[in-house]
N, C-alpha and C. Protein backbone atom coordinates (compact mmCIF):
# COMPACT_ATOMS: atom_id res chain seq x y z
N UNK A 1 23.41 -17.05 27.64
CA UNK A 1 23.09 -18.22 26.89
C UNK A 1 21.69 -18.69 27.28
N UNK A 2 20.87 -19.07 26.29
CA UNK A 2 19.53 -19.57 26.56
C UNK A 2 19.64 -21.01 27.06
N UNK A 3 19.10 -21.25 28.26
CA UNK A 3 19.12 -22.57 28.87
C UNK A 3 17.83 -23.32 28.56
N UNK A 4 16.73 -22.58 28.54
CA UNK A 4 15.42 -23.17 28.29
C UNK A 4 14.55 -22.11 27.61
N UNK A 5 13.67 -22.54 26.70
CA UNK A 5 12.83 -21.60 25.98
C UNK A 5 11.44 -22.19 25.80
N UNK A 6 10.43 -21.32 26.01
CA UNK A 6 9.05 -21.74 25.83
C UNK A 6 8.33 -20.71 24.97
N UNK A 7 7.70 -21.17 23.86
CA UNK A 7 6.92 -20.27 23.02
C UNK A 7 5.61 -20.00 23.73
N UNK A 8 5.32 -18.70 24.00
CA UNK A 8 4.10 -18.34 24.70
C UNK A 8 3.07 -17.68 23.79
N UNK A 9 3.48 -17.35 22.56
CA UNK A 9 2.54 -16.74 21.62
C UNK A 9 3.07 -16.93 20.20
N UNK A 10 2.15 -17.25 19.27
CA UNK A 10 2.49 -17.31 17.85
C UNK A 10 1.50 -16.45 17.10
N UNK A 11 2.00 -15.40 16.49
CA UNK A 11 1.14 -14.51 15.71
C UNK A 11 1.41 -14.63 14.23
N UNK A 12 0.81 -13.72 13.46
CA UNK A 12 0.97 -13.71 12.01
C UNK A 12 2.41 -13.37 11.61
N UNK A 13 3.03 -12.47 12.35
CA UNK A 13 4.38 -12.01 12.02
C UNK A 13 5.41 -12.41 13.08
N UNK A 14 5.04 -12.34 14.34
CA UNK A 14 6.01 -12.57 15.41
C UNK A 14 5.67 -13.80 16.25
N UNK A 15 6.69 -14.28 16.93
CA UNK A 15 6.53 -15.29 17.98
C UNK A 15 7.11 -14.68 19.25
N UNK A 16 6.53 -15.03 20.38
CA UNK A 16 7.04 -14.54 21.67
C UNK A 16 7.47 -15.75 22.49
N UNK A 17 8.66 -15.65 23.05
CA UNK A 17 9.24 -16.72 23.86
C UNK A 17 9.53 -16.21 25.26
N UNK A 18 9.44 -17.09 26.23
CA UNK A 18 9.93 -16.82 27.58
C UNK A 18 11.16 -17.70 27.74
N UNK A 19 12.31 -17.06 27.90
CA UNK A 19 13.58 -17.76 27.95
C UNK A 19 14.17 -17.74 29.36
N UNK A 20 14.73 -18.86 29.73
CA UNK A 20 15.57 -18.92 30.93
C UNK A 20 16.99 -18.73 30.41
N UNK A 21 17.66 -17.68 30.88
CA UNK A 21 18.95 -17.28 30.34
C UNK A 21 20.02 -17.33 31.43
N UNK A 22 21.15 -17.94 31.11
CA UNK A 22 22.30 -17.94 32.02
C UNK A 22 23.17 -16.74 31.64
N UNK A 23 23.37 -15.85 32.60
CA UNK A 23 24.18 -14.66 32.38
C UNK A 23 25.67 -15.01 32.49
N UNK A 24 26.54 -14.14 32.00
CA UNK A 24 27.99 -14.41 32.06
C UNK A 24 28.52 -14.67 33.48
N UNK A 25 27.84 -14.13 34.51
CA UNK A 25 28.31 -14.37 35.89
C UNK A 25 27.72 -15.64 36.51
N UNK A 26 26.96 -16.41 35.71
CA UNK A 26 26.42 -17.68 36.17
C UNK A 26 24.98 -17.62 36.68
N UNK A 27 24.46 -16.44 36.97
CA UNK A 27 23.07 -16.33 37.42
C UNK A 27 22.13 -16.68 36.29
N UNK A 28 20.91 -17.14 36.62
CA UNK A 28 19.88 -17.36 35.61
C UNK A 28 18.73 -16.41 35.86
N UNK A 29 18.17 -15.91 34.75
CA UNK A 29 17.05 -14.97 34.81
C UNK A 29 16.03 -15.36 33.74
N UNK A 30 14.81 -14.85 33.88
CA UNK A 30 13.77 -15.06 32.86
C UNK A 30 13.66 -13.80 32.02
N UNK A 31 13.68 -13.97 30.71
CA UNK A 31 13.52 -12.86 29.78
C UNK A 31 12.50 -13.23 28.73
N UNK A 32 11.70 -12.25 28.31
CA UNK A 32 10.79 -12.44 27.20
C UNK A 32 11.50 -11.98 25.93
N UNK A 33 11.24 -12.69 24.84
CA UNK A 33 11.92 -12.40 23.57
C UNK A 33 10.92 -12.47 22.43
N UNK A 34 10.98 -11.48 21.55
CA UNK A 34 10.16 -11.45 20.34
C UNK A 34 11.02 -11.91 19.17
N UNK A 35 10.55 -12.93 18.46
CA UNK A 35 11.23 -13.44 17.28
C UNK A 35 10.55 -12.84 16.05
N UNK A 36 11.31 -12.14 15.22
CA UNK A 36 10.79 -11.41 14.06
C UNK A 36 11.62 -11.77 12.84
N UNK A 37 11.01 -11.91 11.66
CA UNK A 37 11.76 -12.34 10.47
C UNK A 37 12.72 -11.29 9.90
N UNK A 38 12.64 -10.05 10.36
CA UNK A 38 13.47 -8.99 9.81
C UNK A 38 12.68 -8.12 8.85
N UNK A 39 13.23 -6.95 8.54
CA UNK A 39 12.50 -6.00 7.71
C UNK A 39 13.47 -5.10 6.96
N UNK A 40 12.91 -4.38 6.00
CA UNK A 40 13.68 -3.43 5.21
C UNK A 40 12.98 -2.09 5.20
N UNK A 41 13.76 -1.05 4.94
CA UNK A 41 13.24 0.29 4.70
C UNK A 41 13.99 0.88 3.52
N UNK A 42 13.30 1.70 2.75
CA UNK A 42 13.90 2.26 1.55
C UNK A 42 13.70 3.77 1.54
N UNK A 43 14.78 4.51 1.25
CA UNK A 43 14.69 5.95 1.04
C UNK A 43 14.68 6.16 -0.47
N UNK A 44 13.49 6.37 -1.07
CA UNK A 44 13.40 6.56 -2.52
C UNK A 44 13.67 8.02 -2.89
N UNK A 45 14.88 8.28 -3.35
CA UNK A 45 15.35 9.64 -3.61
C UNK A 45 15.17 10.00 -5.08
N UNK A 46 14.46 11.08 -5.32
CA UNK A 46 14.25 11.58 -6.68
C UNK A 46 15.38 12.52 -7.07
N UNK A 47 15.49 12.82 -8.36
CA UNK A 47 16.57 13.67 -8.88
C UNK A 47 16.61 15.05 -8.22
N UNK A 48 15.45 15.59 -7.86
CA UNK A 48 15.39 16.94 -7.26
C UNK A 48 15.63 16.93 -5.75
N UNK A 49 16.14 15.81 -5.23
CA UNK A 49 16.44 15.63 -3.80
C UNK A 49 15.18 15.62 -2.94
N UNK A 50 14.09 15.18 -3.53
CA UNK A 50 12.90 14.93 -2.73
C UNK A 50 12.80 13.42 -2.52
N UNK A 51 12.04 13.04 -1.51
CA UNK A 51 11.92 11.65 -1.11
C UNK A 51 10.45 11.25 -1.15
N UNK A 52 10.18 10.08 -1.72
CA UNK A 52 8.82 9.54 -1.71
C UNK A 52 8.59 8.90 -0.34
N UNK A 53 7.59 9.37 0.35
CA UNK A 53 7.25 8.89 1.69
C UNK A 53 5.83 8.31 1.65
N UNK A 54 5.50 7.56 2.68
CA UNK A 54 4.14 7.07 2.83
C UNK A 54 3.60 7.49 4.18
N UNK A 55 2.37 7.94 4.17
CA UNK A 55 1.67 8.24 5.42
C UNK A 55 0.71 7.09 5.62
N UNK A 56 0.87 6.38 6.74
CA UNK A 56 0.08 5.18 6.90
C UNK A 56 -0.46 5.04 8.31
N UNK A 57 -1.64 4.43 8.37
CA UNK A 57 -2.27 4.18 9.65
C UNK A 57 -1.50 3.08 10.38
N UNK A 58 -1.20 3.32 11.65
CA UNK A 58 -0.53 2.34 12.50
C UNK A 58 -1.38 2.12 13.74
N UNK A 59 -1.88 0.93 13.88
CA UNK A 59 -2.74 0.58 15.01
C UNK A 59 -2.05 0.81 16.35
N UNK A 60 -0.73 0.52 16.41
CA UNK A 60 -0.01 0.62 17.69
C UNK A 60 0.02 2.03 18.25
N UNK A 61 -0.08 3.04 17.40
CA UNK A 61 -0.10 4.42 17.88
C UNK A 61 -1.45 5.09 17.63
N UNK A 62 -2.41 4.30 17.15
CA UNK A 62 -3.77 4.76 16.90
C UNK A 62 -3.79 6.03 16.05
N UNK A 63 -3.05 5.99 14.96
CA UNK A 63 -3.05 7.14 14.07
C UNK A 63 -2.14 6.93 12.89
N UNK A 64 -2.04 7.97 12.07
CA UNK A 64 -1.20 7.92 10.89
C UNK A 64 0.20 8.46 11.21
N UNK A 65 1.19 7.86 10.56
CA UNK A 65 2.59 8.27 10.74
C UNK A 65 3.22 8.40 9.35
N UNK A 66 4.07 9.41 9.18
CA UNK A 66 4.83 9.57 7.96
C UNK A 66 6.08 8.70 8.06
N UNK A 67 6.30 7.87 7.02
CA UNK A 67 7.40 6.90 7.05
C UNK A 67 8.02 6.75 5.67
N UNK A 68 9.24 6.21 5.66
CA UNK A 68 9.80 5.73 4.40
C UNK A 68 9.08 4.42 4.08
N UNK A 69 9.03 4.01 2.82
CA UNK A 69 8.45 2.70 2.49
C UNK A 69 9.25 1.60 3.20
N UNK A 70 8.54 0.60 3.70
CA UNK A 70 9.20 -0.47 4.46
C UNK A 70 8.31 -1.70 4.51
N UNK A 71 8.90 -2.81 4.90
CA UNK A 71 8.12 -4.03 5.07
C UNK A 71 8.97 -5.17 5.57
N UNK A 72 8.29 -6.25 5.95
CA UNK A 72 9.00 -7.40 6.52
C UNK A 72 9.49 -8.34 5.44
N UNK A 73 10.55 -9.03 5.78
CA UNK A 73 11.11 -10.04 4.89
C UNK A 73 10.19 -11.26 4.84
N UNK A 74 9.97 -11.78 3.64
CA UNK A 74 9.27 -13.05 3.49
C UNK A 74 10.29 -14.17 3.69
N UNK A 75 9.81 -15.39 3.94
CA UNK A 75 10.71 -16.52 4.16
C UNK A 75 11.64 -16.71 2.96
N UNK A 76 12.92 -16.84 3.23
CA UNK A 76 13.98 -17.06 2.23
C UNK A 76 14.13 -15.90 1.24
N UNK A 77 13.65 -14.72 1.58
CA UNK A 77 13.77 -13.56 0.71
C UNK A 77 14.99 -12.74 1.13
N UNK A 78 15.78 -12.31 0.16
CA UNK A 78 16.94 -11.48 0.48
C UNK A 78 16.46 -10.06 0.82
N UNK A 79 17.24 -9.32 1.62
CA UNK A 79 16.85 -7.94 1.91
C UNK A 79 16.70 -7.09 0.64
N UNK A 80 17.57 -7.30 -0.35
CA UNK A 80 17.49 -6.53 -1.60
C UNK A 80 16.19 -6.83 -2.35
N UNK A 81 15.83 -8.10 -2.46
CA UNK A 81 14.59 -8.47 -3.14
C UNK A 81 13.38 -7.91 -2.40
N UNK A 82 13.43 -7.95 -1.09
CA UNK A 82 12.34 -7.40 -0.28
C UNK A 82 12.21 -5.89 -0.50
N UNK A 83 13.35 -5.20 -0.55
CA UNK A 83 13.33 -3.74 -0.76
C UNK A 83 12.70 -3.40 -2.11
N UNK A 84 13.05 -4.14 -3.15
CA UNK A 84 12.49 -3.90 -4.48
C UNK A 84 10.99 -4.17 -4.48
N UNK A 85 10.58 -5.26 -3.85
CA UNK A 85 9.16 -5.63 -3.78
C UNK A 85 8.37 -4.58 -3.00
N UNK A 86 8.86 -4.21 -1.82
CA UNK A 86 8.14 -3.25 -0.99
C UNK A 86 8.05 -1.88 -1.65
N UNK A 87 9.11 -1.45 -2.33
CA UNK A 87 9.09 -0.17 -3.02
C UNK A 87 8.00 -0.15 -4.09
N UNK A 88 7.88 -1.25 -4.85
CA UNK A 88 6.84 -1.34 -5.87
C UNK A 88 5.45 -1.38 -5.24
N UNK A 89 5.30 -2.18 -4.18
CA UNK A 89 3.99 -2.31 -3.53
C UNK A 89 3.50 -0.99 -2.93
N UNK A 90 4.41 -0.25 -2.31
CA UNK A 90 3.99 0.94 -1.57
C UNK A 90 4.04 2.23 -2.37
N UNK A 91 4.90 2.30 -3.41
CA UNK A 91 5.03 3.56 -4.14
C UNK A 91 4.82 3.42 -5.64
N UNK A 92 4.77 2.20 -6.17
CA UNK A 92 4.65 2.01 -7.61
C UNK A 92 5.92 2.37 -8.36
N UNK A 93 7.08 2.26 -7.69
CA UNK A 93 8.35 2.60 -8.31
C UNK A 93 9.33 1.44 -8.19
N UNK A 94 10.34 1.42 -9.10
CA UNK A 94 11.44 0.47 -8.99
C UNK A 94 12.74 1.25 -9.07
N UNK A 95 13.77 0.77 -8.37
CA UNK A 95 15.03 1.50 -8.36
C UNK A 95 15.93 1.13 -9.53
N UNK A 96 16.61 2.12 -10.10
CA UNK A 96 17.67 1.85 -11.05
C UNK A 96 18.93 1.46 -10.28
N UNK A 97 19.05 2.01 -9.07
CA UNK A 97 20.19 1.74 -8.20
C UNK A 97 19.68 1.56 -6.78
N UNK A 98 20.13 0.50 -6.14
CA UNK A 98 19.75 0.20 -4.76
C UNK A 98 21.03 0.03 -3.95
N UNK A 99 21.21 0.89 -2.95
CA UNK A 99 22.44 0.89 -2.16
C UNK A 99 22.09 0.62 -0.70
N UNK A 100 22.70 -0.43 -0.12
CA UNK A 100 22.47 -0.68 1.31
C UNK A 100 23.28 0.35 2.09
N UNK A 101 22.58 1.09 2.98
CA UNK A 101 23.26 2.13 3.74
C UNK A 101 23.40 1.80 5.22
N UNK A 102 22.65 0.81 5.71
CA UNK A 102 22.80 0.41 7.12
C UNK A 102 22.05 -0.87 7.37
N UNK A 103 22.46 -1.56 8.43
CA UNK A 103 21.66 -2.65 8.98
C UNK A 103 21.83 -2.57 10.49
N UNK A 104 20.71 -2.79 11.19
CA UNK A 104 20.74 -2.61 12.64
C UNK A 104 19.61 -3.40 13.28
N UNK A 105 19.72 -3.57 14.59
CA UNK A 105 18.65 -4.20 15.37
C UNK A 105 17.79 -3.07 15.93
N UNK A 106 16.47 -3.16 15.71
CA UNK A 106 15.56 -2.11 16.17
C UNK A 106 15.52 -1.99 17.68
N UNK A 107 15.31 -3.07 18.38
CA UNK A 107 15.18 -3.07 19.84
C UNK A 107 15.77 -4.36 20.40
N UNK A 108 17.10 -4.48 20.44
CA UNK A 108 17.71 -5.75 20.83
C UNK A 108 17.48 -6.14 22.30
N UNK A 109 16.89 -5.26 23.07
CA UNK A 109 16.57 -5.60 24.45
C UNK A 109 15.45 -6.63 24.56
N UNK A 110 14.63 -6.73 23.52
CA UNK A 110 13.53 -7.71 23.57
C UNK A 110 13.23 -8.37 22.24
N UNK A 111 13.84 -7.91 21.13
CA UNK A 111 13.50 -8.47 19.82
C UNK A 111 14.76 -8.72 19.00
N UNK A 112 14.71 -9.76 18.17
CA UNK A 112 15.83 -10.05 17.28
C UNK A 112 15.61 -9.46 15.88
N UNK A 113 14.63 -8.56 15.72
CA UNK A 113 14.34 -7.99 14.41
C UNK A 113 15.56 -7.23 13.88
N UNK A 114 16.08 -7.70 12.74
CA UNK A 114 17.17 -7.02 12.07
C UNK A 114 16.58 -6.19 10.95
N UNK A 115 17.03 -4.96 10.84
CA UNK A 115 16.48 -4.03 9.87
C UNK A 115 17.56 -3.65 8.86
N UNK A 116 17.21 -3.71 7.58
CA UNK A 116 18.12 -3.37 6.49
C UNK A 116 17.61 -2.10 5.83
N UNK A 117 18.47 -1.12 5.70
CA UNK A 117 18.09 0.18 5.18
C UNK A 117 18.78 0.43 3.84
N UNK A 118 17.98 0.86 2.84
CA UNK A 118 18.49 1.07 1.49
C UNK A 118 18.19 2.48 1.00
N UNK A 119 19.06 2.97 0.13
CA UNK A 119 18.84 4.19 -0.63
C UNK A 119 18.53 3.76 -2.05
N UNK A 120 17.41 4.22 -2.60
CA UNK A 120 17.00 3.88 -3.96
C UNK A 120 17.07 5.14 -4.82
N UNK A 121 17.77 5.01 -5.96
CA UNK A 121 17.90 6.14 -6.89
C UNK A 121 17.54 5.66 -8.30
N UNK A 122 17.42 6.60 -9.22
CA UNK A 122 17.08 6.25 -10.59
C UNK A 122 15.73 5.57 -10.67
N UNK A 123 14.75 6.14 -9.99
CA UNK A 123 13.43 5.51 -9.88
C UNK A 123 12.64 5.57 -11.18
N UNK A 124 11.95 4.48 -11.45
CA UNK A 124 11.08 4.38 -12.62
C UNK A 124 9.77 3.74 -12.19
N UNK A 125 8.67 4.05 -12.90
CA UNK A 125 7.38 3.44 -12.55
C UNK A 125 7.42 1.91 -12.63
N UNK A 126 6.75 1.28 -11.69
CA UNK A 126 6.66 -0.19 -11.61
C UNK A 126 5.31 -0.52 -11.00
N UNK A 127 4.63 -1.46 -11.61
CA UNK A 127 3.33 -1.85 -11.07
C UNK A 127 3.54 -2.67 -9.80
N UNK A 128 2.81 -2.31 -8.77
CA UNK A 128 2.86 -3.04 -7.51
C UNK A 128 1.52 -2.92 -6.82
N UNK A 129 1.20 -3.90 -5.98
CA UNK A 129 -0.06 -3.86 -5.25
C UNK A 129 0.22 -3.87 -3.76
N UNK A 130 -0.38 -2.91 -3.06
CA UNK A 130 -0.21 -2.90 -1.61
C UNK A 130 -1.01 -4.05 -1.01
N UNK A 131 -0.64 -4.39 0.21
CA UNK A 131 -1.29 -5.50 0.89
C UNK A 131 -2.67 -5.07 1.40
N UNK A 132 -3.56 -6.05 1.61
CA UNK A 132 -4.94 -5.78 2.01
C UNK A 132 -5.05 -4.99 3.30
N UNK A 133 -4.11 -5.19 4.24
CA UNK A 133 -4.23 -4.54 5.54
C UNK A 133 -3.49 -3.20 5.59
N UNK A 134 -3.00 -2.73 4.45
CA UNK A 134 -2.29 -1.45 4.43
C UNK A 134 -3.22 -0.34 3.94
N UNK A 135 -3.14 0.78 4.62
CA UNK A 135 -3.86 1.98 4.21
C UNK A 135 -2.82 3.08 4.20
N UNK A 136 -2.40 3.49 3.01
CA UNK A 136 -1.34 4.49 2.96
C UNK A 136 -1.57 5.50 1.86
N UNK A 137 -0.97 6.67 2.08
CA UNK A 137 -1.02 7.76 1.12
C UNK A 137 0.42 8.11 0.77
N UNK A 138 0.68 8.32 -0.51
CA UNK A 138 2.02 8.68 -0.95
C UNK A 138 2.18 10.19 -0.88
N UNK A 139 3.32 10.62 -0.33
CA UNK A 139 3.67 12.04 -0.24
C UNK A 139 5.12 12.20 -0.68
N UNK A 140 5.43 13.34 -1.25
CA UNK A 140 6.81 13.65 -1.61
C UNK A 140 7.25 14.89 -0.83
N UNK A 141 8.42 14.78 -0.19
CA UNK A 141 8.96 15.89 0.60
C UNK A 141 10.43 16.06 0.25
N UNK A 142 10.88 17.30 0.19
CA UNK A 142 12.30 17.54 -0.03
C UNK A 142 13.10 17.05 1.17
N UNK A 143 14.28 16.54 0.90
CA UNK A 143 15.14 15.99 1.94
C UNK A 143 15.39 17.00 3.06
N UNK A 144 15.69 18.24 2.72
CA UNK A 144 15.95 19.26 3.74
C UNK A 144 14.71 19.51 4.60
N UNK A 145 13.52 19.47 3.99
CA UNK A 145 12.29 19.65 4.75
C UNK A 145 12.08 18.48 5.71
N UNK A 146 12.44 17.27 5.28
CA UNK A 146 12.31 16.09 6.16
C UNK A 146 13.25 16.20 7.36
N UNK A 147 14.45 16.72 7.13
CA UNK A 147 15.38 16.92 8.25
C UNK A 147 14.76 17.88 9.26
N UNK A 148 14.16 18.96 8.79
CA UNK A 148 13.49 19.91 9.70
C UNK A 148 12.33 19.24 10.42
N UNK A 149 11.62 18.34 9.74
CA UNK A 149 10.50 17.62 10.36
C UNK A 149 10.98 16.69 11.47
N UNK A 150 12.19 16.18 11.35
CA UNK A 150 12.77 15.37 12.42
C UNK A 150 12.92 16.22 13.67
N UNK A 151 13.51 17.40 13.52
CA UNK A 151 13.76 18.26 14.66
C UNK A 151 12.48 18.84 15.27
N UNK A 152 11.44 19.01 14.44
CA UNK A 152 10.18 19.54 14.97
C UNK A 152 9.33 18.45 15.63
N UNK A 153 9.70 17.18 15.40
CA UNK A 153 8.91 16.07 15.94
C UNK A 153 7.81 15.60 15.01
N UNK A 154 7.66 16.24 13.86
CA UNK A 154 6.63 15.84 12.90
C UNK A 154 6.96 14.50 12.26
N UNK A 155 8.26 14.21 12.09
CA UNK A 155 8.71 12.91 11.60
C UNK A 155 9.27 12.17 12.81
N UNK A 156 8.52 11.16 13.28
CA UNK A 156 8.87 10.52 14.55
C UNK A 156 9.15 9.02 14.44
N UNK A 157 9.13 8.47 13.24
CA UNK A 157 9.38 7.06 13.02
C UNK A 157 10.89 6.82 12.97
N UNK A 158 11.40 5.91 13.81
CA UNK A 158 12.85 5.72 13.96
C UNK A 158 13.53 5.31 12.66
N UNK A 159 12.98 4.34 11.93
CA UNK A 159 13.63 3.90 10.69
C UNK A 159 13.71 5.04 9.69
N UNK A 160 12.69 5.88 9.68
CA UNK A 160 12.67 7.01 8.76
C UNK A 160 13.68 8.08 9.17
N UNK A 161 13.78 8.32 10.45
CA UNK A 161 14.77 9.29 10.95
C UNK A 161 16.17 8.82 10.59
N UNK A 162 16.46 7.55 10.81
CA UNK A 162 17.79 7.01 10.47
C UNK A 162 18.03 7.10 8.97
N UNK A 163 17.05 6.69 8.17
CA UNK A 163 17.21 6.71 6.71
C UNK A 163 17.40 8.11 6.15
N UNK A 164 16.60 9.04 6.61
CA UNK A 164 16.70 10.43 6.13
C UNK A 164 18.03 11.03 6.55
N UNK A 165 18.43 10.82 7.79
CA UNK A 165 19.69 11.37 8.30
C UNK A 165 20.88 10.80 7.54
N UNK A 166 20.91 9.49 7.34
CA UNK A 166 22.03 8.89 6.61
C UNK A 166 22.05 9.34 5.15
N UNK A 167 20.89 9.48 4.54
CA UNK A 167 20.84 9.96 3.15
C UNK A 167 21.39 11.38 3.07
N UNK A 168 21.01 12.23 4.00
CA UNK A 168 21.53 13.60 4.02
C UNK A 168 23.05 13.59 4.18
N UNK A 169 23.57 12.74 5.06
CA UNK A 169 25.03 12.63 5.25
C UNK A 169 25.72 12.14 3.98
N UNK A 170 25.15 11.15 3.33
CA UNK A 170 25.74 10.61 2.09
C UNK A 170 25.80 11.69 1.01
N UNK A 171 24.70 12.42 0.84
CA UNK A 171 24.67 13.47 -0.19
C UNK A 171 25.63 14.60 0.15
N UNK A 172 25.71 14.96 1.42
CA UNK A 172 26.62 16.04 1.85
C UNK A 172 28.07 15.64 1.62
N UNK A 173 28.39 14.38 1.85
CA UNK A 173 29.77 13.90 1.65
C UNK A 173 30.16 13.88 0.18
N UNK A 174 29.18 13.78 -0.70
CA UNK A 174 29.45 13.70 -2.14
C UNK A 174 29.35 15.05 -2.84
N UNK A 175 29.07 16.11 -2.10
CA UNK A 175 28.94 17.43 -2.74
C UNK A 175 30.27 18.15 -2.81
């Protein structure tokens, strides 16, 4: 239980707190906590079982990473609305069908960021504009090739690994 909390940083997306926490055995400890509004990821699956991916520059790893389209929730925005918006912004597509396939905490040891993962099918063109700070390239890869890229280490983004793996499981269960 949080006994005392102090905001030590306020950024554009996150806030960082230093919390005094009472543990179940009664001891108190200091923990740092990142407050995040939450995010979504979308696996845009085409009829031929290929997936629209984005290769984008990520400052935190000083390079480009191949990822599923994703983005943070805006204030009072539902995960479904965010998924539709982000898909249009990053790929220029809209889903005919949007299926929530998972929700999880990315790193609950230090952050409350909840992540919502969707499978998008029946894709159609939709006008969307990427954000000013995004630099991305659209790529299409077959689902089976993406699974191989996970094992080779070429696909190393956690949300993308989870999304691709779950999509493969869903399709396999329906065959």
